PDB file of N, CA and C in Angstrom:
ATOM      1  N   UNK A   1      96.532 109.312  75.954  1.00  0.00           N
ATOM      2  CA  UNK A   1      96.693 108.259  74.866  1.00  0.00           C
ATOM      3  C   UNK A   1      98.208 107.928  74.566  1.00  0.00           C
ATOM      4  N   UNK A   2      98.346 107.208  73.977  1.00  0.00           N
ATOM      5  CA  UNK A   2     100.370 106.837  73.230  1.00  0.00           C
ATOM      6  C   UNK A   2     100.063 106.649  71.720  1.00  0.00           C
ATOM      7  N   UNK A   3     100.975 106.689  70.557  1.00  0.00           N
ATOM      8  CA  UNK A   3     101.231 106.504  69.824  1.00  0.00           C
ATOM      9  C   UNK A   3     101.913 105.176  70.118  1.00  0.00           C
ATOM     10  N   UNK A   4     101.169 104.156  68.916  1.00  0.00           N
ATOM     11  CA  UNK A   4     101.512 102.962  68.878  1.00  0.00           C
ATOM     12  C   UNK A   4     102.752 102.534  67.141  1.00  0.00           C
ATOM     13  N   UNK A   5     103.168 102.436  67.124  1.00  0.00           N
ATOM     14  CA  UNK A   5     104.295 102.286  65.651  1.00  0.00           C
ATOM     15  C   UNK A   5     104.800 101.530  65.318  1.00  0.00           C
ATOM     16  N   UNK A   6     104.622 100.279  64.320  1.00  0.00           N
ATOM     17  CA  UNK A   6     104.423  98.996  64.005  1.00  0.00           C
ATOM     18  C   UNK A   6     105.508  98.691  62.757  1.00  0.00           C
ATOM     19  N   UNK A   7     106.418  97.553  62.786  1.00  0.00           N
ATOM     20  CA  UNK A   7     107.689  98.017  62.149  1.00  0.00           C
ATOM     21  C   UNK A   7     107.351  96.100  61.089  1.00  0.00           C
ATOM     22  N   UNK A   8     107.464  96.660  59.842  1.00  0.00           N
ATOM     23  CA  UNK A   8     108.293  94.871  59.314  1.00  0.00           C
ATOM     24  C   UNK A   8     107.133  93.918  59.646  1.00  0.00           C
ATOM     25  N   UNK A   9     107.347  92.860  60.519  1.00  0.00           N
ATOM     26  CA  UNK A   9     106.137  91.565  60.118  1.00  0.00           C
ATOM     27  C   UNK A   9     105.064  91.740  60.885  1.00  0.00           C
ATOM     28  N   UNK A  10     104.891  92.858  61.955  1.00  0.00           N
ATOM     29  CA  UNK A  10     103.857  93.388  62.917  1.00  0.00           C
ATOM     30  C   UNK A  10     103.599  93.775  62.479  1.00  0.00           C
ATOM     31  N   UNK A  11     103.954  94.877  61.588  1.00  0.00           N
ATOM     32  CA  UNK A  11     103.222  96.408  60.655  1.00  0.00           C
ATOM     33  C   UNK A  11     101.820  95.057  60.326  1.00  0.00           C
ATOM     34  N   UNK A  12     103.187  94.137  59.171  1.00  0.00           N
ATOM     35  CA  UNK A  12     101.946  93.496  57.667  1.00  0.00           C
ATOM     36  C   UNK A  12     100.935  93.000  58.340  1.00  0.00           C
ATOM     37  N   UNK A  13     101.018  92.298  59.568  1.00  0.00           N
ATOM     38  CA  UNK A  13     100.010  91.114  60.422  1.00  0.00           C
ATOM     39  C   UNK A  13      98.898  92.174  61.098  1.00  0.00           C
ATOM     40  N   UNK A  14      98.824  93.521  61.805  1.00  0.00           N
ATOM     41  CA  UNK A  14      98.501  94.356  61.672  1.00  0.00           C
ATOM     42  C   UNK A  14      97.283  94.756  60.902  1.00  0.00           C
ATOM     43  N   UNK A  15      98.219  95.713  59.868  1.00  0.00           N
ATOM     44  CA  UNK A  15      97.558  95.847  58.419  1.00  0.00           C
ATOM     45  C   UNK A  15      97.712  97.512  59.266  1.00  0.00           C
ATOM     46  N   UNK A  16      98.943  98.400  59.531  1.00  0.00           N
ATOM     47  CA  UNK A  16      98.624  99.805  59.741  1.00  0.00           C
ATOM     48  C   UNK A  16     100.364  99.811  60.168  1.00  0.00           C
ATOM     49  N   UNK A  17     100.878 101.194  59.850  1.00  0.00           N
ATOM     50  CA  UNK A  17     102.379 100.966  60.347  1.00  0.00           C
ATOM     51  C   UNK A  17     101.717 101.857  62.227  1.00  0.00           C
ATOM     52  N   UNK A  18     101.194 102.608  62.716  1.00  0.00           N
ATOM     53  CA  UNK A  18     100.965 103.343  63.047  1.00  0.00           C
ATOM     54  C   UNK A  18      99.419 103.314  63.768  1.00  0.00           C
ATOM     55  N   UNK A  19      98.832 103.506  64.859  1.00  0.00           N
ATOM     56  CA  UNK A  19      97.595 104.229  65.745  1.00  0.00           C
ATOM     57  C   UNK A  19      98.226 104.923  66.939  1.00  0.00           C
ATOM     58  N   UNK A  20      97.072 105.727  67.358  1.00  0.00           N
ATOM     59  CA  UNK A  20      96.752 105.885  68.819  1.00  0.00           C
ATOM     60  C   UNK A  20      95.494 105.436  69.552  1.00  0.00           C
ATOM     61  N   UNK A  21      95.852 104.715  70.723  1.00  0.00           N
ATOM     62  CA  UNK A  21      95.334 104.333  71.472  1.00  0.00           C
ATOM     63  C   UNK A  21      94.964 104.684  73.149  1.00  0.00           C
ATOM     64  N   UNK A  22      94.350 104.666  73.604  1.00  0.00           N
ATOM     65  CA  UNK A  22      93.758 105.049  75.191  1.00  0.00           C
ATOM     66  C   UNK A  22      93.727 103.778  75.763  1.00  0.00           C
ATOM     67  N   UNK A  23      94.441 103.489  76.852  1.00  0.00           N
ATOM     68  CA  UNK A  23      95.216 102.975  77.098  1.00  0.00           C
ATOM     69  C   UNK A  23      95.284 102.394  78.721  1.00  0.00           C
ATOM     70  N   UNK A  24      94.524 101.580  79.793  1.00  0.00           N
ATOM     71  CA  UNK A  24      94.950 101.687  81.456  1.00  0.00           C
ATOM     72  C   UNK A  24      95.926 100.791  81.558  1.00  0.00           C
ATOM     73  N   UNK A  25      96.337 100.171  80.447  1.00  0.00           N
ATOM     74  CA  UNK A  25      97.894  99.049  80.653  1.00  0.00           C
ATOM     75  C   UNK A  25      99.196 100.215  81.526  1.00  0.00           C
ATOM     76  N   UNK A  26      99.420  99.321  82.427  1.00  0.00           N
ATOM     77  CA  UNK A  26     100.471 100.003  83.455  1.00  0.00           C
ATOM     78  C   UNK A  26     101.758  99.583  82.662  1.00  0.00           C
ATOM     79  N   UNK A  27     101.861  98.211  82.272  1.00  0.00           N
ATOM     80  CA  UNK A  27     103.005  98.066  81.533  1.00  0.00           C
ATOM     81  C   UNK A  27     103.019  97.582  80.121  1.00  0.00           C
ATOM     82  N   UNK A  28     103.847  97.197  79.315  1.00  0.00           N
ATOM     83  CA  UNK A  28     103.959  96.999  78.139  1.00  0.00           C
ATOM     84  C   UNK A  28     102.934  95.806  77.836  1.00  0.00           C
ATOM     85  N   UNK A  29     103.324  94.605  78.396  1.00  0.00           N
ATOM     86  CA  UNK A  29     102.769  93.215  78.586  1.00  0.00           C
ATOM     87  C   UNK A  29     101.402  93.756  78.949  1.00  0.00           C
ATOM     88  N   UNK A  30     100.667  94.406  79.313  1.00  0.00           N
ATOM     89  CA  UNK A  30      99.566  95.081  79.744  1.00  0.00           C
ATOM     90  C   UNK A  30      98.766  95.248  78.443  1.00  0.00           C
ATOM     91  N   UNK A  31      99.773  96.198  77.932  1.00  0.00           N
ATOM     92  CA  UNK A  31      99.237  96.917  76.147  1.00  0.00           C
ATOM     93  C   UNK A  31      99.247  95.822  75.184  1.00  0.00           C
ATOM     94  N   UNK A  32      99.726  94.886  75.459  1.00  0.00           N
ATOM     95  CA  UNK A  32     100.078  93.383  74.238  1.00  0.00           C
ATOM     96  C   UNK A  32      98.694  92.590  74.899  1.00  0.00           C
ATOM     97  N   UNK A  33      98.111  92.434  76.102  1.00  0.00           N
ATOM     98  CA  UNK A  33      97.593  91.858  76.606  1.00  0.00           C
ATOM     99  C   UNK A  33      96.179  92.993  75.744  1.00  0.00           C
ATOM    100  N   UNK A  34      95.737  93.810  76.144  1.00  0.00           N
ATOM    101  CA  UNK A  34      94.785  94.634  75.523  1.00  0.00           C
ATOM    102  C   UNK A  34      94.473  94.481  73.989  1.00  0.00           C
ATOM    103  N   UNK A  35      95.325  94.561  73.776  1.00  0.00           N
ATOM    104  CA  UNK A  35      95.288  95.204  72.037  1.00  0.00           C
ATOM    105  C   UNK A  35      95.075  93.245  71.346  1.00  0.00           C
ATOM    106  N   UNK A  36      95.911  92.222  71.838  1.00  0.00           N
ATOM    107  CA  UNK A  36      95.701  91.212  70.948  1.00  0.00           C
ATOM    108  C   UNK A  36      94.410  90.834  71.873  1.00  0.00           C
ATOM    109  N   UNK A  37      93.185  91.140  72.768  1.00  0.00           N
ATOM    110  CA  UNK A  37      92.143  90.643  72.586  1.00  0.00           C
ATOM    111  C   UNK A  37      90.897  91.967  71.727  1.00  0.00           C
ATOM    112  N   UNK A  38      91.646  91.910  71.333  1.00  0.00           N
ATOM    113  CA  UNK A  38      90.846  92.740  70.009  1.00  0.00           C
ATOM    114  C   UNK A  38      90.745  92.441  68.769  1.00  0.00           C
ATOM    115  N   UNK A  39      91.237  91.781  67.937  1.00  0.00           N
ATOM    116  CA  UNK A  39      90.923  91.258  67.277  1.00  0.00           C
ATOM    117  C   UNK A  39      92.120  90.258  66.331  1.00  0.00           C
ATOM    118  N   UNK A  40      92.071  89.074  66.087  1.00  0.00           N
ATOM    119  CA  UNK A  40      92.504  88.328  65.086  1.00  0.00           C
ATOM    120  C   UNK A  40      93.870  89.109  65.096  1.00  0.00           C
ATOM    121  N   UNK A  41      93.946  89.298  63.686  1.00  0.00           N
ATOM    122  CA  UNK A  41      95.147  89.969  63.750  1.00  0.00           C
ATOM    123  C   UNK A  41      96.193  90.451  64.652  1.00  0.00           C
ATOM    124  N   UNK A  42      95.211  91.042  65.880  1.00  0.00           N
ATOM    125  CA  UNK A  42      96.451  91.709  67.485  1.00  0.00           C
ATOM    126  C   UNK A  42      97.123  90.436  67.732  1.00  0.00           C
ATOM    127  N   UNK A  43      96.414  89.763  67.934  1.00  0.00           N
ATOM    128  CA  UNK A  43      96.399  88.267  68.716  1.00  0.00           C
ATOM    129  C   UNK A  43      97.850  87.723  67.776  1.00  0.00           C
ATOM    130  N   UNK A  44      97.896  87.457  66.520  1.00  0.00           N
ATOM    131  CA  UNK A  44      98.698  86.752  65.833  1.00  0.00           C
ATOM    132  C   UNK A  44     100.545  87.376  65.639  1.00  0.00           C
ATOM    133  N   UNK A  45     100.066  89.194  65.324  1.00  0.00           N
ATOM    134  CA  UNK A  45     101.269  90.206  65.882  1.00  0.00           C
ATOM    135  C   UNK A  45     102.083  89.928  66.463  1.00  0.00           C
ATOM    136  N   UNK A  46     101.454  89.587  68.064  1.00  0.00           N
ATOM    137  CA  UNK A  46     102.210  89.083  68.936  1.00  0.00           C
ATOM    138  C   UNK A  46     101.639  87.847  69.627  1.00  0.00           C
ATOM    139  N   UNK A  47     101.733  87.059  68.864  1.00  0.00           N
ATOM    140  CA  UNK A  47     101.687  85.756  69.677  1.00  0.00           C
ATOM    141  C   UNK A  47     102.811  85.461  69.909  1.00  0.00           C
ATOM    142  N   UNK A  48     103.906  85.651  69.458  1.00  0.00           N
ATOM    143  CA  UNK A  48     105.381  84.711  69.906  1.00  0.00           C
ATOM    144  C   UNK A  48     106.101  86.594  70.350  1.00  0.00           C
ATOM    145  N   UNK A  49     105.835  86.721  71.272  1.00  0.00           N
ATOM    146  CA  UNK A  49     107.024  88.000  71.686  1.00  0.00           C
ATOM    147  C   UNK A  49     108.172  87.899  72.012  1.00  0.00           C
ATOM    148  N   UNK A  50     108.701  86.782  72.120  1.00  0.00           N
ATOM    149  CA  UNK A  50     110.387  86.162  72.435  1.00  0.00           C
ATOM    150  C   UNK A  50     111.046  87.114  70.435  1.00  0.00           C
ATOM    151  N   UNK A  51     109.909  86.735  69.450  1.00  0.00           N
ATOM    152  CA  UNK A  51     110.540  87.080  68.161  1.00  0.00           C
ATOM    153  C   UNK A  51     110.626  88.914  68.140  1.00  0.00           C
ATOM    154  N   UNK A  52     109.915  89.745  69.593  1.00  0.00           N
ATOM    155  CA  UNK A  52     109.255  90.917  69.029  1.00  0.00           C
ATOM    156  C   UNK A  52     110.544  91.594  70.158  1.00  0.00           C
ATOM    157  N   UNK A  53     110.589  92.721  69.584  1.00  0.00           N
ATOM    158  CA  UNK A  53     111.602  93.843  70.872  1.00  0.00           C
ATOM    159  C   UNK A  53     110.556  95.212  70.457  1.00  0.00           C
ATOM    160  N   UNK A  54     110.397  95.714  71.799  1.00  0.00           N
ATOM    161  CA  UNK A  54     109.666  97.221  71.979  1.00  0.00           C
ATOM    162  C   UNK A  54     111.118  97.755  72.302  1.00  0.00           C
ATOM    163  N   UNK A  55     110.140  98.986  72.263  1.00  0.00           N
ATOM    164  CA  UNK A  55     110.930 100.575  72.246  1.00  0.00           C
ATOM    165  C   UNK A  55     109.675 101.334  73.253  1.00  0.00           C
ATOM    166  N   UNK A  56     110.093 102.016  74.113  1.00  0.00           N
ATOM    167  CA  UNK A  56     109.499 102.883  75.291  1.00  0.00           C
ATOM    168  C   UNK A  56     109.631 104.028  74.559  1.00  0.00           C
ATOM    169  N   UNK A  57     109.424 105.393  74.657  1.00  0.00           N
ATOM    170  CA  UNK A  57     109.999 106.632  74.042  1.00  0.00           C
ATOM    171  C   UNK A  57     111.348 106.495  73.137  1.00  0.00           C
ATOM    172  N   UNK A  58     111.528 105.919  72.215  1.00  0.00           N
ATOM    173  CA  UNK A  58     112.606 105.709  71.824  1.00  0.00           C
ATOM    174  C   UNK A  58     113.356 104.464  72.111  1.00  0.00           C
ATOM    175  N   UNK A  59     113.158 104.530  73.453  1.00  0.00           N
ATOM    176  CA  UNK A  59     114.630 103.819  74.213  1.00  0.00           C
ATOM    177  C   UNK A  59     114.147 101.944  74.403  1.00  0.00           C
ATOM    178  N   UNK A  60     114.990 101.221  73.942  1.00  0.00           N
ATOM    179  CA  UNK A  60     114.727  99.836  74.180  1.00  0.00           C
ATOM    180  C   UNK A  60     114.597  98.997  75.325  1.00  0.00           C
ATOM    181  N   UNK A  61     113.699  98.828  75.635  1.00  0.00           N
ATOM    182  CA  UNK A  61     113.529  97.484  77.224  1.00  0.00           C
ATOM    183  C   UNK A  61     112.731  96.476  77.511  1.00  0.00           C
ATOM    184  N   UNK A  62     112.256  96.295  77.789  1.00  0.00           N
ATOM    185  CA  UNK A  62     111.301  95.187  78.171  1.00  0.00           C
ATOM    186  C   UNK A  62     110.215  95.230  77.946  1.00  0.00           C
ATOM    187  N   UNK A  63     109.536  94.078  77.752  1.00  0.00           N
ATOM    188  CA  UNK A  63     108.114  93.541  77.676  1.00  0.00           C
ATOM    189  C   UNK A  63     107.272  94.673  79.016  1.00  0.00           C
ATOM    190  N   UNK A  64     108.074  94.246  80.357  1.00  0.00           N
ATOM    191  CA  UNK A  64     107.311  94.348  82.274  1.00  0.00           C
ATOM    192  C   UNK A  64     107.698  95.858  82.046  1.00  0.00           C
ATOM    193  N   UNK A  65     108.203  96.725  81.267  1.00  0.00           N
ATOM    194  CA  UNK A  65     108.667  97.653  81.550  1.00  0.00           C
ATOM    195  C   UNK A  65     107.241  98.482  81.401  1.00  0.00           C
ATOM    196  N   UNK A  66     107.380 100.353  82.382  1.00  0.00           N
ATOM    197  CA  UNK A  66     106.147 100.657  82.768  1.00  0.00           C
ATOM    198  C   UNK A  66     105.816 101.590  81.659  1.00  0.00           C
ATOM    199  N   UNK A  67     104.881 102.078  81.319  1.00  0.00           N
ATOM    200  CA  UNK A  67     104.078 102.764  80.588  1.00  0.00           C
ATOM    201  C   UNK A  67     104.046 104.176  81.587  1.00  0.00           C
ATOM    202  N   UNK A  68     104.204 104.364  82.247  1.00  0.00           N
ATOM    203  CA  UNK A  68     104.042 105.473  82.846  1.00  0.00           C
ATOM    204  C   UNK A  68     104.504 106.650  82.490  1.00  0.00           C
ATOM    205  N   UNK A  69     103.938 107.703  82.032  1.00  0.00           N
ATOM    206  CA  UNK A  69     104.156 109.279  81.500  1.00  0.00           C
ATOM    207  C   UNK A  69     104.483 108.842  79.692  1.00  0.00           C
ATOM    208  N   UNK A  70     104.471 106.771  79.510  1.00  0.00           N
ATOM    209  CA  UNK A  70     104.856 107.449  77.391  1.00  0.00           C
ATOM    210  C   UNK A  70     103.776 107.457  76.756  1.00  0.00           C
ATOM    211  N   UNK A  71     105.074 108.076  75.703  1.00  0.00           N
ATOM    212  CA  UNK A  71     104.185 109.070  74.758  1.00  0.00           C
ATOM    213  C   UNK A  71     103.820 107.912  73.400  1.00  0.00           C
ATOM    214  N   UNK A  72     105.033 107.244  73.563  1.00  0.00           N
ATOM    215  CA  UNK A  72     105.392 106.345  72.470  1.00  0.00           C
ATOM    216  C   UNK A  72     105.710 105.158  72.423  1.00  0.00           C
ATOM    217  N   UNK A  73     104.918 104.317  71.502  1.00  0.00           N
ATOM    218  CA  UNK A  73     105.652 102.211  71.723  1.00  0.00           C
ATOM    219  C   UNK A  73     105.891 102.028  70.744  1.00  0.00           C
ATOM    220  N   UNK A  74     106.715 101.525  69.892  1.00  0.00           N
ATOM    221  CA  UNK A  74     106.834 101.064  69.369  1.00  0.00           C
ATOM    222  C   UNK A  74     107.734  99.052  69.121  1.00  0.00           C
ATOM    223  N   UNK A  75     106.645  98.574  68.205  1.00  0.00           N
ATOM    224  CA  UNK A  75     107.453  96.849  67.982  1.00  0.00           C
ATOM    225  C   UNK A  75     107.447  96.584  66.789  1.00  0.00           C
ATOM    226  N   UNK A  76     108.464  95.738  67.218  1.00  0.00           N
ATOM    227  CA  UNK A  76     109.752  96.028  65.998  1.00  0.00           C
ATOM    228  C   UNK A  76     110.132  94.333  65.749  1.00  0.00           C
ATOM    229  N   UNK A  77     110.539  93.407  64.832  1.00  0.00           N
ATOM    230  CA  UNK A  77     111.775  92.278  65.309  1.00  0.00           C
ATOM    231  C   UNK A  77     112.208  92.106  65.873  1.00  0.00           C
ATOM    232  N   UNK A  78     114.059  91.852  66.068  1.00  0.00           N
ATOM    233  CA  UNK A  78     115.288  91.608  66.107  1.00  0.00           C
ATOM    234  C   UNK A  78     115.940  92.293  65.257  1.00  0.00           C
ATOM    235  N   UNK A  79     117.098  93.403  65.138  1.00  0.00           N
ATOM    236  CA  UNK A  79     117.654  93.851  64.062  1.00  0.00           C
ATOM    237  C   UNK A  79     118.292  93.034  63.737  1.00  0.00           C
ATOM    238  N   UNK A  80     118.872  92.912  62.703  1.00  0.00           N
ATOM    239  CA  UNK A  80     120.375  92.395  61.857  1.00  0.00           C
ATOM    240  C   UNK A  80     121.307  92.900  61.966  1.00  0.00           C
ATOM    241  N   UNK A  81     122.086  92.176  62.412  1.00  0.00           N
ATOM    242  CA  UNK A  81     123.639  93.133  62.112  1.00  0.00           C
ATOM    243  C   UNK A  81     124.225  93.244  60.474  1.00  0.00           C
ATOM    244  N   UNK A  82     124.759  94.226  59.894  1.00  0.00           N
ATOM    245  CA  UNK A  82     125.767  93.298  58.995  1.00  0.00           C
ATOM    246  C   UNK A  82     127.089  94.297  57.925  1.00  0.00           C
TER     247      UNK A  82
END
């Protein structure tokens, strides 16, 4: 089981801030593919990965990152400084 956290536009499109899923995904990309195939709101949220960032167990990583042993995956738009 992996806890998923959605922030900002991802949360707005999916309609929830968190959920726990059971998955056989090996990478974040595999997980995104699984989620996108669930229903249109997930497909919309993950339609442009270049506009999203991902953290696995609170470490900022790429979408090809392994999910082995992961407990939490967070999706969010790029952060801006100021």
